[in-house]
Amino acid sequence: MATSKKVARKPRLKKLVIKESRWVRFGSPVASMLYIKKRPQDRTGMMCCLGFLAQACGARASQIKDKVAPMNAPRVKWPKGVLTRHPETAELDSEWTLKAMTINDDLSLREHGLEATLEERKAILTKHFVKIGFKLVFVP
C-alpha cells in the first residue's frame, strides 16, 4: 500500500495593479503620499505604491487622502508585515514599509546600494511586495 505525502503549497499571490499614469514616485514633490489630488477638480488622485496597496485592501480614498505612510492610516486592513508595533515605544513601525517607501520615493537609491532606473525600481518593488503576498503588475 502506497502512502502519499502532502506537498505544502506556497500561498497564492494576490495581484496588485499599479497604474503608472497615477503612480507618484521618486522625483515628484508628492512621492510619499498614499493618495493625493493635485488639483481639486481632478476626478481621481495620484498614489504611491502603498496607496495602491491600501486600495487593494479595501481602503477608500478618504481614508488615505493626504496621508504620508501606512502608519498614518492605521484603520486600513493592511497585510501582515506592513504595520507592526514597536515593542518599546508602541508606535507603529515597519521595516518592510520603510524599505517600500525608500524604493518608491528616494532619488538617491544608489547611496543605499540599489539601482535607480525606473525598470530596476519596478523589479525591486516587485520582489519586495512578494514578501507580503502580492504580485505587482505595472500598466500604463
Protein backbone atom coordinates (compact mmCIF):
# COMPACT_ATOMS: atom_id res chain seq x y z
CA MET A 1 0.00 0.00 0.00
CA ALA A 2 1.48 3.31 -1.12
CA THR A 3 1.27 6.36 1.06
CA SER A 4 1.19 9.81 -0.35
CA LYS A 5 2.81 12.77 1.25
CA LYS A 6 1.08 16.10 1.20
CA VAL A 7 3.16 18.69 -0.53
CA ALA A 8 2.99 22.11 1.08
CA ARG A 9 1.98 24.70 -1.47
CA LYS A 10 3.12 28.24 -1.42
CA PRO A 11 0.27 30.65 -0.79
CA ARG A 12 -1.10 32.16 -3.96
CA LEU A 13 -0.03 35.76 -4.54
CA LYS A 14 -2.69 38.44 -4.83
CA LYS A 15 -2.36 40.63 -7.89
CA LEU A 16 -1.77 44.33 -7.29
CA VAL A 17 -2.05 46.59 -10.32
CA ILE A 18 -0.02 49.79 -10.32
CA LYS A 19 -1.32 52.26 -12.90
CA GLU A 20 1.77 54.16 -13.92
CA SER A 21 -0.29 57.16 -15.06
CA ARG A 22 -1.46 57.57 -11.43
CA TRP A 23 1.71 56.36 -9.67
CA VAL A 24 3.66 59.06 -7.81
CA ARG A 25 7.25 58.13 -7.23
CA PHE A 26 10.78 59.46 -6.95
CA GLY A 27 11.23 62.88 -8.46
CA SER A 28 7.70 64.00 -7.61
CA PRO A 29 7.18 66.51 -4.79
CA VAL A 30 4.29 64.33 -3.54
CA ALA A 31 6.05 60.95 -3.97
CA SER A 32 5.35 59.85 -0.42
CA MET A 33 1.60 60.40 -0.48
CA LEU A 34 -0.72 57.40 -0.22
CA TYR A 35 -3.40 59.36 -2.10
CA ILE A 36 -3.46 62.97 -3.23
CA LYS A 37 -5.34 65.06 -5.73
CA LYS A 38 -3.04 67.54 -7.40
CA ARG A 39 -5.97 69.83 -8.16
CA PRO A 40 -9.42 69.83 -6.52
CA GLN A 41 -11.12 69.38 -9.90
CA ASP A 42 -9.22 66.12 -10.64
CA ARG A 43 -11.57 63.12 -10.76
CA THR A 44 -9.01 60.66 -9.46
CA GLY A 45 -5.97 61.02 -7.28
CA MET A 46 -2.36 60.00 -7.56
CA MET A 47 -0.88 57.31 -5.31
CA CYS A 48 2.44 55.87 -4.26
CA CYS A 49 2.85 52.08 -4.33
CA LEU A 50 1.46 51.85 -0.79
CA GLY A 51 -1.62 53.82 -1.80
CA PHE A 52 -2.37 51.21 -4.45
CA LEU A 53 -1.88 48.54 -1.78
CA ALA A 54 -4.27 50.34 0.57
CA GLN A 55 -6.99 50.45 -2.08
CA ALA A 56 -6.41 46.77 -2.90
CA CYS A 57 -7.01 46.11 0.80
CA GLY A 58 -10.35 47.91 0.68
CA ALA A 59 -9.39 51.42 1.77
CA ARG A 60 -11.45 54.31 0.49
CA ALA A 61 -9.72 57.37 -0.89
CA SER A 62 -10.95 59.36 2.12
CA GLN A 63 -9.09 57.01 4.49
CA ILE A 64 -5.73 57.52 2.81
CA LYS A 65 -6.08 61.02 1.33
CA ASP A 66 -3.15 63.27 2.23
CA LYS A 67 -1.55 60.53 4.36
CA VAL A 68 2.19 60.06 4.05
CA ALA A 69 2.54 56.44 5.17
CA PRO A 70 0.58 53.40 6.38
CA MET A 71 1.44 54.45 9.93
CA ASN A 72 -0.79 57.49 9.34
CA ALA A 73 -3.72 55.31 8.20
CA PRO A 74 -3.85 52.52 10.81
CA ARG A 75 -7.56 51.77 10.27
CA VAL A 76 -6.82 50.30 6.84
CA LYS A 77 -6.67 46.49 6.89
CA TRP A 78 -3.01 46.33 5.93
CA PRO A 79 -1.46 42.93 5.16
CA LYS A 80 0.70 41.35 7.83
CA GLY A 81 4.14 42.94 7.83
CA VAL A 82 3.07 46.41 6.71
CA LEU A 83 2.37 47.71 10.21
CA THR A 84 3.85 46.44 13.43
CA ARG A 85 4.02 47.96 16.90
CA HIS A 86 7.48 48.77 18.11
CA PRO A 87 7.97 46.75 21.33
CA GLU A 88 9.45 49.61 23.36
CA THR A 89 7.59 52.67 22.10
CA ALA A 90 4.31 51.03 20.94
CA GLU A 91 4.47 53.27 17.87
CA LEU A 92 3.52 51.84 14.50
CA ASP A 93 6.67 50.96 12.67
CA SER A 94 7.70 48.51 9.94
CA GLU A 95 10.99 47.73 8.25
CA TRP A 96 9.06 46.37 5.26
CA THR A 97 7.15 49.65 4.88
CA LEU A 98 10.20 51.85 5.28
CA LYS A 99 12.01 49.88 2.57
CA ALA A 100 9.00 50.12 0.23
CA MET A 101 8.87 53.88 0.80
CA THR A 102 12.61 54.20 0.13
CA ILE A 103 12.35 52.27 -3.14
CA ASN A 104 9.32 54.30 -4.25
CA ASP A 105 10.49 57.75 -3.15
CA ASP A 106 14.24 58.08 -2.70
CA LEU A 107 16.04 59.80 -5.56
CA SER A 108 19.42 58.60 -4.31
CA LEU A 109 18.90 54.85 -4.17
CA ARG A 110 22.48 54.32 -5.28
CA GLU A 111 23.53 55.54 -1.82
CA HIS A 112 21.59 52.56 -0.42
CA GLY A 113 23.33 50.11 -2.76
CA LEU A 114 20.33 49.89 -5.10
CA GLU A 115 19.95 50.87 -8.72
CA ALA A 116 17.89 53.87 -9.69
CA THR A 117 16.32 53.38 -13.14
CA LEU A 118 12.54 53.08 -13.38
CA GLU A 119 12.69 49.47 -14.59
CA GLU A 120 15.13 48.49 -11.83
CA ARG A 121 12.91 50.11 -9.20
CA LYS A 122 9.90 48.21 -10.54
CA ALA A 123 11.85 44.96 -10.29
CA ILE A 124 12.96 45.74 -6.72
CA LEU A 125 9.42 46.71 -5.68
CA THR A 126 8.02 43.56 -7.30
CA LYS A 127 10.38 41.34 -5.29
CA HIS A 128 9.68 43.33 -2.14
CA PHE A 129 5.87 43.04 -2.40
CA VAL A 130 6.08 39.25 -2.74
CA LYS A 131 7.15 39.22 0.93
CA ILE A 132 3.64 40.33 1.93
CA GLY A 133 1.83 38.15 -0.60
CA PHE A 134 1.33 40.49 -3.56
CA LYS A 135 2.43 40.24 -7.18
CA LEU A 136 2.87 43.69 -8.71
CA VAL A 137 1.69 44.31 -12.25
CA PHE A 138 2.53 47.66 -13.84
CA VAL A 139 0.19 49.03 -16.51
CA PRO A 140 0.33 52.35 -18.41
